[in-house]
Amino acid sequence: MSKKRDYLKVQDQEHLYQFAQGLNILASKMEKIAQEEYSPKELKEWFRKELGE
Protein backbone atom coordinates (compact mmCIF):
# COMPACT_ATOMS: atom_id res chain seq x y z
CA MET A 1 0.00 0.00 0.00
CA SER A 2 2.76 2.47 0.84
CA LYS A 3 4.44 1.82 -2.53
CA LYS A 4 1.26 2.95 -4.26
CA ARG A 5 1.19 6.13 -2.16
CA ASP A 6 4.85 6.84 -2.96
CA TYR A 7 4.15 6.36 -6.67
CA LEU A 8 1.22 8.79 -6.55
CA LYS A 9 3.38 11.34 -4.79
CA VAL A 10 6.04 11.03 -7.50
CA GLN A 11 3.40 11.25 -10.22
CA ASP A 12 1.88 14.33 -8.58
CA GLN A 13 5.30 15.95 -8.39
CA GLU A 14 5.85 15.31 -12.10
CA HIS A 15 2.46 16.82 -12.97
CA LEU A 16 3.16 19.87 -10.82
CA TYR A 17 6.55 20.28 -12.48
CA GLN A 18 5.00 20.06 -15.97
CA PHE A 19 2.30 22.55 -14.96
CA ALA A 20 4.92 24.94 -13.58
CA GLN A 21 6.92 24.68 -16.82
CA GLY A 22 3.78 25.51 -18.80
CA LEU A 23 3.11 28.54 -16.59
CA ASN A 24 6.68 29.75 -17.07
CA ILE A 25 6.38 29.45 -20.85
CA LEU A 26 3.06 31.29 -20.82
CA ALA A 27 4.41 34.04 -18.56
CA SER A 28 7.48 34.59 -20.73
CA LYS A 29 5.35 34.75 -23.89
CA MET A 30 2.98 37.22 -22.22
CA GLU A 31 5.95 39.36 -21.15
CA LYS A 32 7.36 39.30 -24.69
CA ILE A 33 4.00 40.33 -26.13
CA ALA A 34 3.64 43.13 -23.58
CA GLN A 35 7.06 44.46 -24.53
CA GLU A 36 6.09 44.47 -28.19
CA GLU A 37 2.98 46.50 -27.33
CA TYR A 38 0.35 44.59 -29.26
CA SER A 39 -3.20 45.88 -29.29
CA PRO A 40 -5.82 44.04 -27.18
CA LYS A 41 -7.32 42.61 -30.38
CA GLU A 42 -3.93 41.24 -31.44
CA LEU A 43 -3.40 39.76 -27.97
CA LYS A 44 -6.79 38.05 -28.11
CA GLU A 45 -6.01 36.56 -31.51
CA TRP A 46 -2.58 35.39 -30.31
CA PHE A 47 -4.08 33.64 -27.27
CA ARG A 48 -6.72 31.95 -29.43
CA LYS A 49 -4.02 30.67 -31.76
CA GLU A 50 -1.68 29.55 -28.96
CA LEU A 51 -4.34 27.88 -26.83
CA GLY A 52 -6.19 26.37 -29.75
CA GLU A 53 -9.57 27.89 -28.97
PDB file of N, CA and C in Angstrom:
ATOM      1  N   MET A   1       0.821  -1.199   0.000  1.00  0.00           N
ATOM      2  CA  MET A   1       0.000   0.000   0.000  1.00  0.00           C
ATOM      3  C   MET A   1       0.866   1.264   0.000  1.00  0.00           C
ATOM      4  N   SER A   2       1.925   1.270   0.782  1.00  0.00           N
ATOM      5  CA  SER A   2       2.757   2.473   0.842  1.00  0.00           C
ATOM      6  C   SER A   2       3.478   2.714  -0.486  1.00  0.00           C
ATOM      7  N   LYS A   3       3.803   1.637  -1.223  1.00  0.00           N
ATOM      8  CA  LYS A   3       4.443   1.822  -2.527  1.00  0.00           C
ATOM      9  C   LYS A   3       3.513   2.576  -3.472  1.00  0.00           C
ATOM     10  N   LYS A   4       2.228   2.260  -3.409  1.00  0.00           N
ATOM     11  CA  LYS A   4       1.260   2.950  -4.255  1.00  0.00           C
ATOM     12  C   LYS A   4       1.209   4.431  -3.884  1.00  0.00           C
ATOM     13  N   ARG A   5       1.203   4.733  -2.605  1.00  0.00           N
ATOM     14  CA  ARG A   5       1.192   6.135  -2.157  1.00  0.00           C
ATOM     15  C   ARG A   5       2.433   6.862  -2.634  1.00  0.00           C
ATOM     16  N   ASP A   6       3.603   6.213  -2.516  1.00  0.00           N
ATOM     17  CA  ASP A   6       4.847   6.836  -2.964  1.00  0.00           C
ATOM     18  C   ASP A   6       4.797   7.113  -4.457  1.00  0.00           C
ATOM     19  N   TYR A   7       4.259   6.178  -5.226  1.00  0.00           N
ATOM     20  CA  TYR A   7       4.150   6.365  -6.671  1.00  0.00           C
ATOM     21  C   TYR A   7       3.254   7.556  -6.991  1.00  0.00           C
ATOM     22  N   LEU A   8       2.129   7.670  -6.294  1.00  0.00           N
ATOM     23  CA  LEU A   8       1.224   8.788  -6.554  1.00  0.00           C
ATOM     24  C   LEU A   8       1.893  10.111  -6.215  1.00  0.00           C
ATOM     25  N   LYS A   9       2.678  10.113  -5.147  1.00  0.00           N
ATOM     26  CA  LYS A   9       3.381  11.343  -4.788  1.00  0.00           C
ATOM     27  C   LYS A   9       4.361  11.737  -5.895  1.00  0.00           C
ATOM     28  N   VAL A  10       5.091  10.761  -6.425  1.00  0.00           N
ATOM     29  CA  VAL A  10       6.043  11.032  -7.499  1.00  0.00           C
ATOM     30  C   VAL A  10       5.295  11.516  -8.742  1.00  0.00           C
ATOM     31  N   GLN A  11       4.182  10.851  -9.056  1.00  0.00           N
ATOM     32  CA  GLN A  11       3.396  11.250 -10.224  1.00  0.00           C
ATOM     33  C   GLN A  11       2.850  12.659 -10.037  1.00  0.00           C
ATOM     34  N   ASP A  12       2.371  12.986  -8.845  1.00  0.00           N
ATOM     35  CA  ASP A  12       1.877  14.333  -8.575  1.00  0.00           C
ATOM     36  C   ASP A  12       2.990  15.363  -8.732  1.00  0.00           C
ATOM     37  N   GLN A  13       4.174  15.025  -8.260  1.00  0.00           N
ATOM     38  CA  GLN A  13       5.305  15.950  -8.391  1.00  0.00           C
ATOM     39  C   GLN A  13       5.622  16.201  -9.859  1.00  0.00           C
ATOM     40  N   GLU A  14       5.571  15.149 -10.678  1.00  0.00           N
ATOM     41  CA  GLU A  14       5.849  15.307 -12.102  1.00  0.00           C
ATOM     42  C   GLU A  14       4.794  16.189 -12.770  1.00  0.00           C
ATOM     43  N   HIS A  15       3.520  15.991 -12.395  1.00  0.00           N
ATOM     44  CA  HIS A  15       2.461  16.819 -12.967  1.00  0.00           C
ATOM     45  C   HIS A  15       2.613  18.272 -12.546  1.00  0.00           C
ATOM     46  N   LEU A  16       2.950  18.502 -11.285  1.00  0.00           N
ATOM     47  CA  LEU A  16       3.160  19.873 -10.816  1.00  0.00           C
ATOM     48  C   LEU A  16       4.330  20.522 -11.550  1.00  0.00           C
ATOM     49  N   TYR A  17       5.382  19.754 -11.770  1.00  0.00           N
ATOM     50  CA  TYR A  17       6.546  20.282 -12.479  1.00  0.00           C
ATOM     51  C   TYR A  17       6.180  20.650 -13.915  1.00  0.00           C
ATOM     52  N   GLN A  18       5.432  19.776 -14.595  1.00  0.00           N
ATOM     53  CA  GLN A  18       5.004  20.063 -15.966  1.00  0.00           C
ATOM     54  C   GLN A  18       4.098  21.286 -16.010  1.00  0.00           C
ATOM     55  N   PHE A  19       3.200  21.403 -15.036  1.00  0.00           N
ATOM     56  CA  PHE A  19       2.302  22.551 -14.960  1.00  0.00           C
ATOM     57  C   PHE A  19       3.106  23.836 -14.749  1.00  0.00           C
ATOM     58  N   ALA A  20       4.085  23.773 -13.849  1.00  0.00           N
ATOM     59  CA  ALA A  20       4.922  24.939 -13.578  1.00  0.00           C
ATOM     60  C   ALA A  20       5.701  25.349 -14.820  1.00  0.00           C
ATOM     61  N   GLN A  21       6.208  24.365 -15.574  1.00  0.00           N
ATOM     62  CA  GLN A  21       6.918  24.684 -16.817  1.00  0.00           C
ATOM     63  C   GLN A  21       5.988  25.386 -17.800  1.00  0.00           C
ATOM     64  N   GLY A  22       4.755  24.893 -17.907  1.00  0.00           N
ATOM     65  CA  GLY A  22       3.778  25.511 -18.796  1.00  0.00           C
ATOM     66  C   GLY A  22       3.480  26.941 -18.389  1.00  0.00           C
ATOM     67  N   LEU A  23       3.353  27.173 -17.078  1.00  0.00           N
ATOM     68  CA  LEU A  23       3.106  28.538 -16.595  1.00  0.00           C
ATOM     69  C   LEU A  23       4.284  29.450 -16.908  1.00  0.00           C
ATOM     70  N   ASN A  24       5.494  28.942 -16.758  1.00  0.00           N
ATOM     71  CA  ASN A  24       6.676  29.752 -17.069  1.00  0.00           C
ATOM     72  C   ASN A  24       6.725  30.125 -18.543  1.00  0.00           C
ATOM     73  N   ILE A  25       6.400  29.182 -19.406  1.00  0.00           N
ATOM     74  CA  ILE A  25       6.383  29.453 -20.849  1.00  0.00           C
ATOM     75  C   ILE A  25       5.332  30.512 -21.168  1.00  0.00           C
ATOM     76  N   LEU A  26       4.136  30.327 -20.587  1.00  0.00           N
ATOM     77  CA  LEU A  26       3.061  31.286 -20.819  1.00  0.00           C
ATOM     78  C   LEU A  26       3.440  32.679 -20.314  1.00  0.00           C
ATOM     79  N   ALA A  27       4.018  32.745 -19.123  1.00  0.00           N
ATOM     80  CA  ALA A  27       4.407  34.039 -18.560  1.00  0.00           C
ATOM     81  C   ALA A  27       5.466  34.724 -19.425  1.00  0.00           C
ATOM     82  N   SER A  28       6.432  33.975 -19.906  1.00  0.00           N
ATOM     83  CA  SER A  28       7.476  34.595 -20.727  1.00  0.00           C
ATOM     84  C   SER A  28       6.916  35.069 -22.064  1.00  0.00           C
ATOM     85  N   LYS A  29       5.967  34.301 -22.643  1.00  0.00           N
ATOM     86  CA  LYS A  29       5.347  34.754 -23.893  1.00  0.00           C
ATOM     87  C   LYS A  29       4.507  35.999 -23.657  1.00  0.00           C
ATOM     88  N   MET A  30       3.790  36.038 -22.538  1.00  0.00           N
ATOM     89  CA  MET A  30       2.981  37.216 -22.220  1.00  0.00           C
ATOM     90  C   MET A  30       3.877  38.441 -22.038  1.00  0.00           C
ATOM     91  N   GLU A  31       5.017  38.250 -21.366  1.00  0.00           N
ATOM     92  CA  GLU A  31       5.949  39.359 -21.154  1.00  0.00           C
ATOM     93  C   GLU A  31       6.500  39.862 -22.485  1.00  0.00           C
ATOM     94  N   LYS A  32       6.834  38.929 -23.371  1.00  0.00           N
ATOM     95  CA  LYS A  32       7.364  39.303 -24.692  1.00  0.00           C
ATOM     96  C   LYS A  32       6.318  40.095 -25.475  1.00  0.00           C
ATOM     97  N   ILE A  33       5.081  39.637 -25.429  1.00  0.00           N
ATOM     98  CA  ILE A  33       3.999  40.332 -26.132  1.00  0.00           C
ATOM     99  C   ILE A  33       3.798  41.728 -25.546  1.00  0.00           C
ATOM    100  N   ALA A  34       3.825  41.833 -24.229  1.00  0.00           N
ATOM    101  CA  ALA A  34       3.636  43.130 -23.580  1.00  0.00           C
ATOM    102  C   ALA A  34       4.747  44.100 -23.994  1.00  0.00           C
ATOM    103  N   GLN A  35       5.945  43.603 -24.127  1.00  0.00           N
ATOM    104  CA  GLN A  35       7.064  44.457 -24.526  1.00  0.00           C
ATOM    105  C   GLN A  35       6.918  44.920 -25.973  1.00  0.00           C
ATOM    106  N   GLU A  36       6.269  44.104 -26.786  1.00  0.00           N
ATOM    107  CA  GLU A  36       6.089  44.467 -28.191  1.00  0.00           C
ATOM    108  C   GLU A  36       4.868  45.359 -28.399  1.00  0.00           C
ATOM    109  N   GLU A  37       4.112  45.579 -27.332  1.00  0.00           N
ATOM    110  CA  GLU A  37       2.977  46.500 -27.333  1.00  0.00           C
ATOM    111  C   GLU A  37       1.939  46.177 -28.408  1.00  0.00           C
ATOM    112  N   TYR A  38       1.445  44.964 -28.376  1.00  0.00           N
ATOM    113  CA  TYR A  38       0.351  44.590 -29.264  1.00  0.00           C
ATOM    114  C   TYR A  38      -0.947  45.214 -28.778  1.00  0.00           C
ATOM    115  N   SER A  39      -1.880  45.388 -29.675  1.00  0.00           N
ATOM    116  CA  SER A  39      -3.195  45.884 -29.290  1.00  0.00           C
ATOM    117  C   SER A  39      -3.978  44.758 -28.612  1.00  0.00           C
ATOM    118  N   PRO A  40      -5.004  45.083 -27.821  1.00  0.00           N
ATOM    119  CA  PRO A  40      -5.816  44.043 -27.178  1.00  0.00           C
ATOM    120  C   PRO A  40      -6.388  43.036 -28.180  1.00  0.00           C
ATOM    121  N   LYS A  41      -6.781  43.517 -29.358  1.00  0.00           N
ATOM    122  CA  LYS A  41      -7.320  42.608 -30.377  1.00  0.00           C
ATOM    123  C   LYS A  41      -6.246  41.616 -30.830  1.00  0.00           C
ATOM    124  N   GLU A  42      -5.028  42.112 -31.036  1.00  0.00           N
ATOM    125  CA  GLU A  42      -3.933  41.238 -31.443  1.00  0.00           C
ATOM    126  C   GLU A  42      -3.597  40.235 -30.349  1.00  0.00           C
ATOM    127  N   LEU A  43      -3.654  40.666 -29.083  1.00  0.00           N
ATOM    128  CA  LEU A  43      -3.405  39.758 -27.966  1.00  0.00           C
ATOM    129  C   LEU A  43      -4.446  38.648 -27.929  1.00  0.00           C
ATOM    130  N   LYS A  44      -5.701  39.029 -28.125  1.00  0.00           N
ATOM    131  CA  LYS A  44      -6.794  38.053 -28.108  1.00  0.00           C
ATOM    132  C   LYS A  44      -6.596  37.022 -29.209  1.00  0.00           C
ATOM    133  N   GLU A  45      -6.240  37.468 -30.389  1.00  0.00           N
ATOM    134  CA  GLU A  45      -6.006  36.557 -31.506  1.00  0.00           C
ATOM    135  C   GLU A  45      -4.819  35.639 -31.233  1.00  0.00           C
ATOM    136  N   TRP A  46      -3.754  36.192 -30.630  1.00  0.00           N
ATOM    137  CA  TRP A  46      -2.579  35.386 -30.312  1.00  0.00           C
ATOM    138  C   TRP A  46      -2.943  34.285 -29.319  1.00  0.00           C
ATOM    139  N   PHE A  47      -3.694  34.640 -28.270  1.00  0.00           N
ATOM    140  CA  PHE A  47      -4.075  33.643 -27.268  1.00  0.00           C
ATOM    141  C   PHE A  47      -4.958  32.565 -27.883  1.00  0.00           C
ATOM    142  N   ARG A  48      -5.863  32.946 -28.751  1.00  0.00           N
ATOM    143  CA  ARG A  48      -6.718  31.949 -29.427  1.00  0.00           C
ATOM    144  C   ARG A  48      -5.856  30.974 -30.213  1.00  0.00           C
ATOM    145  N   LYS A  49      -4.896  31.510 -30.939  1.00  0.00           N
ATOM    146  CA  LYS A  49      -4.024  30.674 -31.759  1.00  0.00           C
ATOM    147  C   LYS A  49      -3.162  29.755 -30.883  1.00  0.00           C
ATOM    148  N   GLU A  50      -2.569  30.311 -29.834  1.00  0.00           N
ATOM    149  CA  GLU A  50      -1.678  29.548 -28.965  1.00  0.00           C
ATOM    150  C   GLU A  50      -2.417  28.487 -28.162  1.00  0.00           C
ATOM    151  N   LEU A  51      -3.605  28.801 -27.686  1.00  0.00           N
ATOM    152  CA  LEU A  51      -4.344  27.875 -26.826  1.00  0.00           C
ATOM    153  C   LEU A  51      -5.295  26.984 -27.618  1.00  0.00           C
ATOM    154  N   GLY A  52      -5.376  27.221 -28.904  1.00  0.00           N
ATOM    155  CA  GLY A  52      -6.188  26.366 -29.753  1.00  0.00           C
ATOM    156  C   GLY A  52      -7.687  26.496 -29.542  1.00  0.00           C
ATOM    157  N   GLU A  53      -8.135  27.678 -29.186  1.00  0.00           N
ATOM    158  CA  GLU A  53      -9.574  27.895 -28.969  1.00  0.00           C
ATOM    159  C   GLU A  53     -10.181  28.613 -30.130  1.00  0.00           C
TER     160      GLU A  53
END
